Amino acid sequence: MMKPVRGSHRVPSRAPEGKKTGDKTNQPAINTRQRRVSQEEPQPGTSSQVPLPKPQKKKKGGTVAGPRKLKGQEKWKPLTRSSITALDNILGLSILSVLAGRRTKKDESQKHLNVVKNRFLSKLAQLSVPIQKQEVTSHSSRQHQEETRKSAVGKKILDKLVVELGAVVGSLEQLEKERDSLEHQCFNLRQQLEHQEESNQQILQLSEQGVLRLPPVPQRKDRPLQEQMVSLFRSGHAVAAARRLAKTLQTSGPVQDAQTLLERAYRHADHLNTPPTAVSQ
């Protein structure tokens, strides 16, 4: 008998009567169906789209079947020695980078990491890998070797550049020393030039002091000497003419000017030849 839903005015209906023996026989089928539904329902925390793993079937002898082999697994080959060596180098560099960040117990950590690395490499040597992946590993190994070669070549070039840089620095230091020496020589030559200019100035001052500054000669209106001598010798008196000639020579303007010039020249020469100390005394 089925009860109506709360709030409805429907009259309860009776379920169809079946045989009692039929109810007992259908009970195991219902339990089996419920068990299947419970297995198909997703477990809590899992997605409904992900199928559950099927339990492994046991063989007749009671042993569990091993893992299923993949397609083409019989063609797999072990890792090559070069690949293992490349992995060994990579792991060694990783261990060194880890040890560089530690401050204490470096020896113990290094021993432990080396043991783990050796175990890992021994396991790798026993594993078989697909040929394609092996080729990729070989390519990585070759690339690592190429990078190592390039690194060695770069180191040689760097060492060569360091040597060349040292030579350039040495030549620059030598040029700097030569420049300092030239600057010192230029300074000495500049000082000598200044002393030479001072001495030249003193010589110019002495030469200006040695210039004769004579007063201008007064202009005289005398007859030429030839006319005076002709006039004397016309008179016919030789003695008187000689006396007149001597007197004329003594009293003539050019002769007096010459005498004055000679006297002043002698005085100036005496002044130049006399030492300054004697003059000051």
C-alpha atoms as a PDB file:
ATOM      1  CA  MET A   1       0.000   0.000   0.000  1.00  0.00           C
ATOM      2  CA  MET A   2       1.463   3.359  -1.084  1.00  0.00           C
ATOM      3  CA  LYS A   3       0.816   6.423   1.043  1.00  0.00           C
ATOM      4  CA  PRO A   4      -0.013   9.744  -0.639  1.00  0.00           C
ATOM      5  CA  VAL A   5       2.366  12.696  -0.473  1.00  0.00           C
ATOM      6  CA  ARG A   6       1.800  15.064   2.439  1.00  0.00           C
ATOM      7  CA  GLY A   7      -0.640  17.796   1.467  1.00  0.00           C
ATOM      8  CA  SER A   8      -2.335  15.841  -1.320  1.00  0.00           C
ATOM      9  CA  HIS A   9      -5.898  14.478  -1.126  1.00  0.00           C
ATOM     10  CA  ARG A  10      -5.201  11.405  -3.217  1.00  0.00           C
ATOM     11  CA  VAL A  11      -6.518   8.143  -1.901  1.00  0.00           C
ATOM     12  CA  PRO A  12      -3.765   5.677  -1.069  1.00  0.00           C
ATOM     13  CA  SER A  13      -3.435   2.967  -3.636  1.00  0.00           C
ATOM     14  CA  ARG A  14      -2.581  -0.654  -3.116  1.00  0.00           C
ATOM     15  CA  ALA A  15       0.447  -2.263  -4.649  1.00  0.00           C
ATOM     16  CA  PRO A  16      -0.163  -5.216  -6.946  1.00  0.00           C
ATOM     17  CA  GLU A  17      -0.237  -8.415  -5.034  1.00  0.00           C
ATOM     18  CA  GLY A  18       2.385 -10.886  -6.082  1.00  0.00           C
ATOM     19  CA  LYS A  19       3.258 -14.328  -5.104  1.00  0.00           C
ATOM     20  CA  LYS A  20       5.230 -14.714  -1.920  1.00  0.00           C
ATOM     21  CA  THR A  21       7.526 -17.174  -3.555  1.00  0.00           C
ATOM     22  CA  GLY A  22       8.263 -14.596  -6.303  1.00  0.00           C
ATOM     23  CA  ASP A  23       9.291 -11.962  -3.756  1.00  0.00           C
ATOM     24  CA  LYS A  24      11.807 -14.278  -2.211  1.00  0.00           C
ATOM     25  CA  THR A  25      13.354 -15.229  -5.542  1.00  0.00           C
ATOM     26  CA  ASN A  26      13.720 -11.570  -6.706  1.00  0.00           C
ATOM     27  CA  GLN A  27      15.553 -10.414  -3.542  1.00  0.00           C
ATOM     28  CA  PRO A  28      19.092 -11.582  -4.612  1.00  0.00           C
ATOM     29  CA  ALA A  29      18.696  -9.903  -7.997  1.00  0.00           C
ATOM     30  CA  ILE A  30      17.782  -6.615  -6.296  1.00  0.00           C
ATOM     31  CA  ASN A  31      20.830  -6.847  -4.037  1.00  0.00           C
ATOM     32  CA  THR A  32      23.103  -7.518  -7.029  1.00  0.00           C
ATOM     33  CA  ARG A  33      21.654  -4.511  -8.882  1.00  0.00           C
ATOM     34  CA  GLN A  34      22.198  -2.246  -5.847  1.00  0.00           C
ATOM     35  CA  ARG A  35      25.792  -3.477  -5.556  1.00  0.00           C
ATOM     36  CA  ARG A  36      26.448  -2.577  -9.212  1.00  0.00           C
ATOM     37  CA  VAL A  37      24.946   0.890  -8.750  1.00  0.00           C
ATOM     38  CA  SER A  38      27.092   1.497  -5.663  1.00  0.00           C
ATOM     39  CA  GLN A  39      30.200   0.506  -7.635  1.00  0.00           C
ATOM     40  CA  GLU A  40      29.281   2.814 -10.506  1.00  0.00           C
ATOM     41  CA  GLU A  41      28.680   5.794  -8.194  1.00  0.00           C
ATOM     42  CA  PRO A  42      31.766   8.062  -7.763  1.00  0.00           C
ATOM     43  CA  GLN A  43      33.569   7.918  -4.459  1.00  0.00           C
ATOM     44  CA  PRO A  44      33.888  11.131  -2.416  1.00  0.00           C
ATOM     45  CA  GLY A  45      36.843  13.294  -3.490  1.00  0.00           C
ATOM     46  CA  THR A  46      37.040  11.796  -7.027  1.00  0.00           C
ATOM     47  CA  SER A  47      35.652  13.009 -10.347  1.00  0.00           C
ATOM     48  CA  SER A  48      32.703  11.242 -11.901  1.00  0.00           C
ATOM     49  CA  GLN A  49      34.469  11.175 -15.288  1.00  0.00           C
ATOM     50  CA  VAL A  50      37.552   9.295 -14.057  1.00  0.00           C
ATOM     51  CA  PRO A  51      36.951   5.509 -14.065  1.00  0.00           C
ATOM     52  CA  LEU A  52      38.082   3.536 -11.093  1.00  0.00           C
ATOM     53  CA  PRO A  53      40.989   1.165 -11.606  1.00  0.00           C
ATOM     54  CA  LYS A  54      39.919  -2.388 -12.091  1.00  0.00           C
ATOM     55  CA  PRO A  55      41.269  -4.932  -9.655  1.00  0.00           C
ATOM     56  CA  GLN A  56      43.973  -7.141 -11.042  1.00  0.00           C
ATOM     57  CA  LYS A  57      42.857 -10.583 -11.990  1.00  0.00           C
ATOM     58  CA  LYS A  58      44.524 -13.515 -10.420  1.00  0.00           C
ATOM     59  CA  LYS A  59      45.849 -16.294 -12.481  1.00  0.00           C
ATOM     60  CA  LYS A  60      44.876 -19.890 -11.897  1.00  0.00           C
ATOM     61  CA  GLY A  61      47.983 -20.526  -9.810  1.00  0.00           C
ATOM     62  CA  GLY A  62      46.972 -17.770  -7.361  1.00  0.00           C
ATOM     63  CA  THR A  63      49.645 -15.211  -8.494  1.00  0.00           C
ATOM     64  CA  VAL A  64      48.830 -11.652  -9.547  1.00  0.00           C
ATOM     65  CA  ALA A  65      49.423 -10.814 -13.213  1.00  0.00           C
ATOM     66  CA  GLY A  66      52.433  -8.526 -13.896  1.00  0.00           C
ATOM     67  CA  PRO A  67      52.258  -5.057 -15.516  1.00  0.00           C
ATOM     68  CA  ARG A  68      51.028  -5.005 -19.042  1.00  0.00           C
ATOM     69  CA  LYS A  69      53.747  -4.521 -21.653  1.00  0.00           C
ATOM     70  CA  LEU A  70      53.514  -1.523 -23.922  1.00  0.00           C
ATOM     71  CA  LYS A  71      53.539  -1.689 -27.651  1.00  0.00           C
ATOM     72  CA  GLY A  72      57.076  -2.012 -29.006  1.00  0.00           C
ATOM     73  CA  GLN A  73      58.595  -2.521 -25.555  1.00  0.00           C
ATOM     74  CA  GLU A  74      60.612  -5.469 -26.797  1.00  0.00           C
ATOM     75  CA  LYS A  75      62.577  -3.029 -28.980  1.00  0.00           C
ATOM     76  CA  TRP A  76      63.678  -0.876 -26.062  1.00  0.00           C
ATOM     77  CA  LYS A  77      67.386  -0.693 -25.297  1.00  0.00           C
ATOM     78  CA  PRO A  78      69.398   0.260 -22.217  1.00  0.00           C
ATOM     79  CA  LEU A  79      70.792   3.762 -21.836  1.00  0.00           C
ATOM     80  CA  THR A  80      74.125   4.381 -23.521  1.00  0.00           C
ATOM     81  CA  ARG A  81      77.276   5.067 -21.583  1.00  0.00           C
ATOM     82  CA  SER A  82      77.440   8.640 -22.885  1.00  0.00           C
ATOM     83  CA  SER A  83      73.910   9.371 -21.654  1.00  0.00           C
ATOM     84  CA  ILE A  84      74.708   8.010 -18.203  1.00  0.00           C
ATOM     85  CA  THR A  85      77.917  10.080 -18.151  1.00  0.00           C
ATOM     86  CA  ALA A  86      75.967  13.203 -19.100  1.00  0.00           C
ATOM     87  CA  LEU A  87      73.443  12.537 -16.335  1.00  0.00           C
ATOM     88  CA  ASP A  88      76.327  11.932 -13.934  1.00  0.00           C
ATOM     89  CA  ASN A  89      77.786  15.339 -14.815  1.00  0.00           C
ATOM     90  CA  ILE A  90      74.430  17.051 -14.416  1.00  0.00           C
ATOM     91  CA  LEU A  91      73.844  15.443 -11.028  1.00  0.00           C
ATOM     92  CA  GLY A  92      77.392  16.345  -9.945  1.00  0.00           C
ATOM     93  CA  LEU A  93      76.784  19.988 -10.814  1.00  0.00           C
ATOM     94  CA  SER A  94      73.475  19.880  -8.962  1.00  0.00           C
ATOM     95  CA  ILE A  95      75.185  18.453  -5.872  1.00  0.00           C
ATOM     96  CA  LEU A  96      77.816  21.197  -5.992  1.00  0.00           C
ATOM     97  CA  SER A  97      75.128  23.873  -6.269  1.00  0.00           C
ATOM     98  CA  VAL A  98      73.309  22.377  -3.268  1.00  0.00           C
ATOM     99  CA  LEU A  99      76.493  22.186  -1.195  1.00  0.00           C
ATOM    100  CA  ALA A 100      77.319  25.804  -2.018  1.00  0.00           C
ATOM    101  CA  GLY A 101      74.167  26.917  -0.189  1.00  0.00           C
ATOM    102  CA  ARG A 102      74.932  24.943   2.982  1.00  0.00           C
ATOM    103  CA  ARG A 103      77.059  26.292   5.790  1.00  0.00           C
ATOM    104  CA  THR A 104      77.441  23.263   8.045  1.00  0.00           C
ATOM    105  CA  LYS A 105      77.860  19.501   7.594  1.00  0.00           C
ATOM    106  CA  LYS A 106      78.940  19.762   3.993  1.00  0.00           C
ATOM    107  CA  ASP A 107      80.969  16.538   4.082  1.00  0.00           C
ATOM    108  CA  GLU A 108      78.082  14.461   5.397  1.00  0.00           C
ATOM    109  CA  SER A 109      75.675  15.959   2.881  1.00  0.00           C
ATOM    110  CA  GLN A 110      78.111  15.341   0.044  1.00  0.00           C
ATOM    111  CA  LYS A 111      78.585  11.697   1.016  1.00  0.00           C
ATOM    112  CA  HIS A 112      74.835  11.144   1.276  1.00  0.00           C
ATOM    113  CA  LEU A 113      74.132  12.831  -2.058  1.00  0.00           C
ATOM    114  CA  ASN A 114      76.895  10.858  -3.760  1.00  0.00           C
ATOM    115  CA  VAL A 115      75.420   7.601  -2.463  1.00  0.00           C
ATOM    116  CA  VAL A 116      71.968   8.583  -3.736  1.00  0.00           C
ATOM    117  CA  LYS A 117      73.456   9.595  -7.090  1.00  0.00           C
ATOM    118  CA  ASN A 118      75.295   6.285  -7.484  1.00  0.00           C
ATOM    119  CA  ARG A 119      72.164   4.304  -6.655  1.00  0.00           C
ATOM    120  CA  PHE A 120      70.153   6.336  -9.124  1.00  0.00           C
ATOM    121  CA  LEU A 121      72.741   5.847 -11.871  1.00  0.00           C
ATOM    122  CA  SER A 122      72.919   2.112 -11.195  1.00  0.00           C
ATOM    123  CA  LYS A 123      69.137   1.904 -11.550  1.00  0.00           C
ATOM    124  CA  LEU A 124      69.313   3.890 -14.780  1.00  0.00           C
ATOM    125  CA  ALA A 125      71.910   1.504 -16.177  1.00  0.00           C
ATOM    126  CA  GLN A 126      69.427  -1.366 -15.693  1.00  0.00           C
ATOM    127  CA  LEU A 127      66.476   0.407 -17.297  1.00  0.00           C
ATOM    128  CA  SER A 128      65.474   0.142 -20.925  1.00  0.00           C
ATOM    129  CA  VAL A 129      64.159   3.153 -22.758  1.00  0.00           C
ATOM    130  CA  PRO A 130      62.476   3.635 -26.124  1.00  0.00           C
ATOM    131  CA  ILE A 131      64.752   4.239 -29.050  1.00  0.00           C
ATOM    132  CA  GLN A 132      63.335   7.690 -29.689  1.00  0.00           C
ATOM    133  CA  LYS A 133      63.944   8.801 -26.110  1.00  0.00           C
ATOM    134  CA  GLN A 134      67.382   7.258 -26.257  1.00  0.00           C
ATOM    135  CA  GLU A 135      68.089   9.366 -29.318  1.00  0.00           C
ATOM    136  CA  VAL A 136      66.881  12.443 -27.442  1.00  0.00           C
ATOM    137  CA  THR A 137      69.162  11.565 -24.539  1.00  0.00           C
ATOM    138  CA  SER A 138      72.055  11.028 -26.930  1.00  0.00           C
ATOM    139  CA  HIS A 139      71.300  14.396 -28.504  1.00  0.00           C
ATOM    140  CA  SER A 140      71.333  15.978 -25.054  1.00  0.00           C
ATOM    141  CA  SER A 141      74.652  14.286 -24.330  1.00  0.00           C
ATOM    142  CA  ARG A 142      76.122  15.521 -27.609  1.00  0.00           C
ATOM    143  CA  GLN A 143      74.785  18.976 -26.918  1.00  0.00           C
ATOM    144  CA  HIS A 144      76.351  18.869 -23.474  1.00  0.00           C
ATOM    145  CA  GLN A 145      79.680  17.838 -24.969  1.00  0.00           C
ATOM    146  CA  GLU A 146      79.398  20.621 -27.549  1.00  0.00           C
ATOM    147  CA  GLU A 147      78.655  23.156 -24.825  1.00  0.00           C
ATOM    148  CA  THR A 148      81.617  21.839 -22.836  1.00  0.00           C
ATOM    149  CA  ARG A 149      83.851  22.235 -25.877  1.00  0.00           C
ATOM    150  CA  LYS A 150      82.569  25.750 -26.486  1.00  0.00           C
ATOM    151  CA  SER A 151      83.151  26.564 -22.831  1.00  0.00           C
ATOM    152  CA  ALA A 152      86.759  25.341 -23.078  1.00  0.00           C
ATOM    153  CA  VAL A 153      87.306  27.380 -26.256  1.00  0.00           C
ATOM    154  CA  GLY A 154      85.755  30.430 -24.609  1.00  0.00           C
ATOM    155  CA  LYS A 155      88.012  29.959 -21.590  1.00  0.00           C
ATOM    156  CA  LYS A 156      91.082  29.850 -23.838  1.00  0.00           C
ATOM    157  CA  ILE A 157      89.937  32.987 -25.642  1.00  0.00           C
ATOM    158  CA  LEU A 158      89.293  34.654 -22.295  1.00  0.00           C
ATOM    159  CA  ASP A 159      92.781  33.752 -21.059  1.00  0.00           C
ATOM    160  CA  LYS A 160      94.259  35.125 -24.281  1.00  0.00           C
ATOM    161  CA  LEU A 161      92.282  38.330 -23.884  1.00  0.00           C
ATOM    162  CA  VAL A 162      93.483  38.635 -20.289  1.00  0.00           C
ATOM    163  CA  VAL A 163      97.108  38.326 -21.466  1.00  0.00           C
ATOM    164  CA  GLU A 164      96.538  40.892 -24.219  1.00  0.00           C
ATOM    165  CA  LEU A 165      94.817  43.182 -21.751  1.00  0.00           C
ATOM    166  CA  GLY A 166      97.825  42.894 -19.420  1.00  0.00           C
ATOM    167  CA  ALA A 167     100.129  43.838 -22.306  1.00  0.00           C
ATOM    168  CA  VAL A 168      97.938  46.826 -23.162  1.00  0.00           C
ATOM    169  CA  VAL A 169      97.912  47.933 -19.528  1.00  0.00           C
ATOM    170  CA  GLY A 170     101.726  47.624 -19.412  1.00  0.00           C
ATOM    171  CA  SER A 171     102.091  49.718 -22.575  1.00  0.00           C
ATOM    172  CA  LEU A 172      99.699  52.314 -21.167  1.00  0.00           C
ATOM    173  CA  GLU A 173     101.748  52.514 -17.976  1.00  0.00           C
ATOM    174  CA  GLN A 174     104.929  52.924 -20.054  1.00  0.00           C
ATOM    175  CA  LEU A 175     103.287  55.683 -22.102  1.00  0.00           C
ATOM    176  CA  GLU A 176     102.176  57.378 -18.903  1.00  0.00           C
ATOM    177  CA  LYS A 177     105.752  57.329 -17.592  1.00  0.00           C
ATOM    178  CA  GLU A 178     107.025  58.776 -20.874  1.00  0.00           C
ATOM    179  CA  ARG A 179     104.357  61.462 -20.729  1.00  0.00           C
ATOM    180  CA  ASP A 180     105.416  62.407 -17.193  1.00  0.00           C
ATOM    181  CA  SER A 181     109.046  62.565 -18.346  1.00  0.00           C
ATOM    182  CA  LEU A 182     108.115  64.784 -21.303  1.00  0.00           C
ATOM    183  CA  GLU A 183     106.081  67.061 -19.053  1.00  0.00           C
ATOM    184  CA  HIS A 184     109.089  67.402 -16.734  1.00  0.00           C
ATOM    185  CA  GLN A 185     111.347  68.228 -19.679  1.00  0.00           C
ATOM    186  CA  CYS A 186     108.846  70.786 -20.964  1.00  0.00           C
ATOM    187  CA  PHE A 187     108.735  72.383 -17.518  1.00  0.00           C
ATOM    188  CA  ASN A 188     112.533  72.632 -17.415  1.00  0.00           C
ATOM    189  CA  LEU A 189     112.656  74.089 -20.934  1.00  0.00           C
ATOM    190  CA  ARG A 190     109.953  76.592 -20.003  1.00  0.00           C
ATOM    191  CA  GLN A 191     111.973  77.735 -17.005  1.00  0.00           C
ATOM    192  CA  GLN A 192     115.111  78.051 -19.141  1.00  0.00           C
ATOM    193  CA  LEU A 193     113.164  80.094 -21.680  1.00  0.00           C
ATOM    194  CA  GLU A 194     111.920  82.418 -18.947  1.00  0.00           C
ATOM    195  CA  HIS A 195     115.481  82.910 -17.642  1.00  0.00           C
ATOM    196  CA  GLN A 196     116.678  83.551 -21.198  1.00  0.00           C
ATOM    197  CA  GLU A 197     113.954  86.141 -21.723  1.00  0.00           C
ATOM    198  CA  GLU A 198     114.917  87.880 -18.494  1.00  0.00           C
ATOM    199  CA  SER A 199     118.577  87.982 -19.544  1.00  0.00           C
ATOM    200  CA  ASN A 200     117.565  89.310 -22.976  1.00  0.00           C
ATOM    201  CA  GLN A 201     115.549  92.056 -21.321  1.00  0.00           C
ATOM    202  CA  GLN A 202     118.578  93.026 -19.245  1.00  0.00           C
ATOM    203  CA  ILE A 203     120.776  93.092 -22.378  1.00  0.00           C
ATOM    204  CA  LEU A 204     118.213  95.271 -24.147  1.00  0.00           C
ATOM    205  CA  GLN A 205     118.157  97.652 -21.209  1.00  0.00           C
ATOM    206  CA  LEU A 206     121.979  97.870 -21.264  1.00  0.00           C
ATOM    207  CA  SER A 207     121.957  98.471 -25.014  1.00  0.00           C
ATOM    208  CA  GLU A 208     119.413 101.246 -24.547  1.00  0.00           C
ATOM    209  CA  GLN A 209     121.653 102.793 -21.894  1.00  0.00           C
ATOM    210  CA  GLY A 210     124.665 102.602 -24.274  1.00  0.00           C
ATOM    211  CA  VAL A 211     122.989 104.627 -27.028  1.00  0.00           C
ATOM    212  CA  LEU A 212     124.546 108.118 -27.414  1.00  0.00           C
ATOM    213  CA  ARG A 213     121.990 110.818 -26.960  1.00  0.00           C
ATOM    214  CA  LEU A 214     123.796 113.848 -28.437  1.00  0.00           C
ATOM    215  CA  PRO A 215     122.214 117.257 -28.622  1.00  0.00           C
ATOM    216  CA  PRO A 216     121.308 118.481 -32.051  1.00  0.00           C
ATOM    217  CA  VAL A 217     124.080 120.354 -33.907  1.00  0.00           C
ATOM    218  CA  PRO A 218     123.288 124.037 -34.384  1.00  0.00           C
ATOM    219  CA  GLN A 219     123.115 125.142 -37.955  1.00  0.00           C
ATOM    220  CA  ARG A 220     125.830 127.620 -38.995  1.00  0.00           C
ATOM    221  CA  LYS A 221     126.107 129.678 -42.090  1.00  0.00           C
ATOM    222  CA  ASP A 222     129.796 129.195 -42.871  1.00  0.00           C
ATOM    223  CA  ARG A 223     131.390 129.231 -46.228  1.00  0.00           C
ATOM    224  CA  PRO A 224     132.663 125.941 -47.536  1.00  0.00           C
ATOM    225  CA  LEU A 225     136.286 125.104 -46.677  1.00  0.00           C
ATOM    226  CA  GLN A 226     137.285 125.060 -50.329  1.00  0.00           C
ATOM    227  CA  GLU A 227     136.186 128.626 -50.831  1.00  0.00           C
ATOM    228  CA  GLN A 228     137.993 129.762 -47.698  1.00  0.00           C
ATOM    229  CA  MET A 229     141.269 128.079 -48.797  1.00  0.00           C
ATOM    230  CA  VAL A 230     141.035 129.519 -52.278  1.00  0.00           C
ATOM    231  CA  SER A 231     140.566 132.968 -50.834  1.00  0.00           C
ATOM    232  CA  LEU A 232     143.610 132.520 -48.552  1.00  0.00           C
ATOM    233  CA  PHE A 233     146.014 131.315 -51.232  1.00  0.00           C
ATOM    234  CA  ARG A 234     145.154 134.131 -53.572  1.00  0.00           C
ATOM    235  CA  SER A 235     146.719 136.707 -51.269  1.00  0.00           C
ATOM    236  CA  GLY A 236     150.239 135.283 -51.855  1.00  0.00           C
ATOM    237  CA  HIS A 237     151.412 135.168 -48.259  1.00  0.00           C
ATOM    238  CA  ALA A 238     152.078 131.515 -47.396  1.00  0.00           C
ATOM    239  CA  VAL A 239     152.777 131.922 -43.657  1.00  0.00           C
ATOM    240  CA  ALA A 240     149.858 134.111 -43.176  1.00  0.00           C
ATOM    241  CA  ALA A 241     147.825 131.725 -45.262  1.00  0.00           C
ATOM    242  CA  ALA A 242     148.896 128.783 -43.106  1.00  0.00           C
ATOM    243  CA  ARG A 243     147.992 130.624 -39.965  1.00  0.00           C
ATOM    244  CA  ARG A 244     144.715 131.602 -41.383  1.00  0.00           C
ATOM    245  CA  LEU A 245     144.144 127.998 -42.436  1.00  0.00           C
ATOM    246  CA  ALA A 246     144.914 126.696 -38.969  1.00  0.00           C
ATOM    247  CA  LYS A 247     142.707 129.304 -37.401  1.00  0.00           C
ATOM    248  CA  THR A 248     139.994 128.523 -39.854  1.00  0.00           C
ATOM    249  CA  LEU A 249     140.246 124.828 -39.084  1.00  0.00           C
ATOM    250  CA  GLN A 250     140.115 125.503 -35.369  1.00  0.00           C
ATOM    251  CA  THR A 251     137.229 127.892 -35.563  1.00  0.00           C
ATOM    252  CA  SER A 252     135.191 126.121 -38.217  1.00  0.00           C
ATOM    253  CA  GLY A 253     131.834 124.669 -37.167  1.00  0.00           C
ATOM    254  CA  PRO A 254     132.259 121.099 -38.481  1.00  0.00           C
ATOM    255  CA  VAL A 255     135.646 120.698 -36.792  1.00  0.00           C
ATOM    256  CA  GLN A 256     134.280 121.899 -33.458  1.00  0.00           C
ATOM    257  CA  ASP A 257     131.341 119.559 -33.796  1.00  0.00           C
ATOM    258  CA  ALA A 258     133.700 116.651 -34.474  1.00  0.00           C
ATOM    259  CA  GLN A 259     135.798 117.542 -31.431  1.00  0.00           C
ATOM    260  CA  THR A 260     132.696 117.730 -29.246  1.00  0.00           C
ATOM    261  CA  LEU A 261     131.553 114.341 -30.560  1.00  0.00           C
ATOM    262  CA  LEU A 262     134.916 112.757 -29.799  1.00  0.00           C
ATOM    263  CA  GLU A 263     135.025 114.182 -26.275  1.00  0.00           C
ATOM    264  CA  ARG A 264     131.573 112.869 -25.431  1.00  0.00           C
ATOM    265  CA  ALA A 265     132.390 109.510 -26.949  1.00  0.00           C
ATOM    266  CA  TYR A 266     135.485 109.240 -24.766  1.00  0.00           C
ATOM    267  CA  ARG A 267     133.458 110.157 -21.668  1.00  0.00           C
ATOM    268  CA  HIS A 268     130.782 107.604 -22.432  1.00  0.00           C
ATOM    269  CA  ALA A 269     133.392 104.895 -23.044  1.00  0.00           C
ATOM    270  CA  ASP A 270     135.038 105.692 -19.719  1.00  0.00           C
ATOM    271  CA  HIS A 271     131.628 105.482 -18.015  1.00  0.00           C
ATOM    272  CA  LEU A 272     130.927 102.054 -19.531  1.00  0.00           C
ATOM    273  CA  ASN A 273     134.340 100.677 -18.643  1.00  0.00           C
ATOM    274  CA  THR A 274     134.137 101.869 -15.024  1.00  0.00           C
ATOM    275  CA  PRO A 275     132.631  99.179 -12.655  1.00  0.00           C
ATOM    276  CA  PRO A 276     129.405 100.137 -10.804  1.00  0.00           C
ATOM    277  CA  THR A 277     130.994  99.573  -7.371  1.00  0.00           C
ATOM    278  CA  ALA A 278     133.710 102.093  -8.116  1.00  0.00           C
ATOM    279  CA  VAL A 279     131.121 104.637  -9.266  1.00  0.00           C
ATOM    280  CA  SER A 280     128.985 104.123  -6.121  1.00  0.00           C
ATOM    281  CA  GLN A 281     132.044 104.578  -3.897  1.00  0.00           C
END
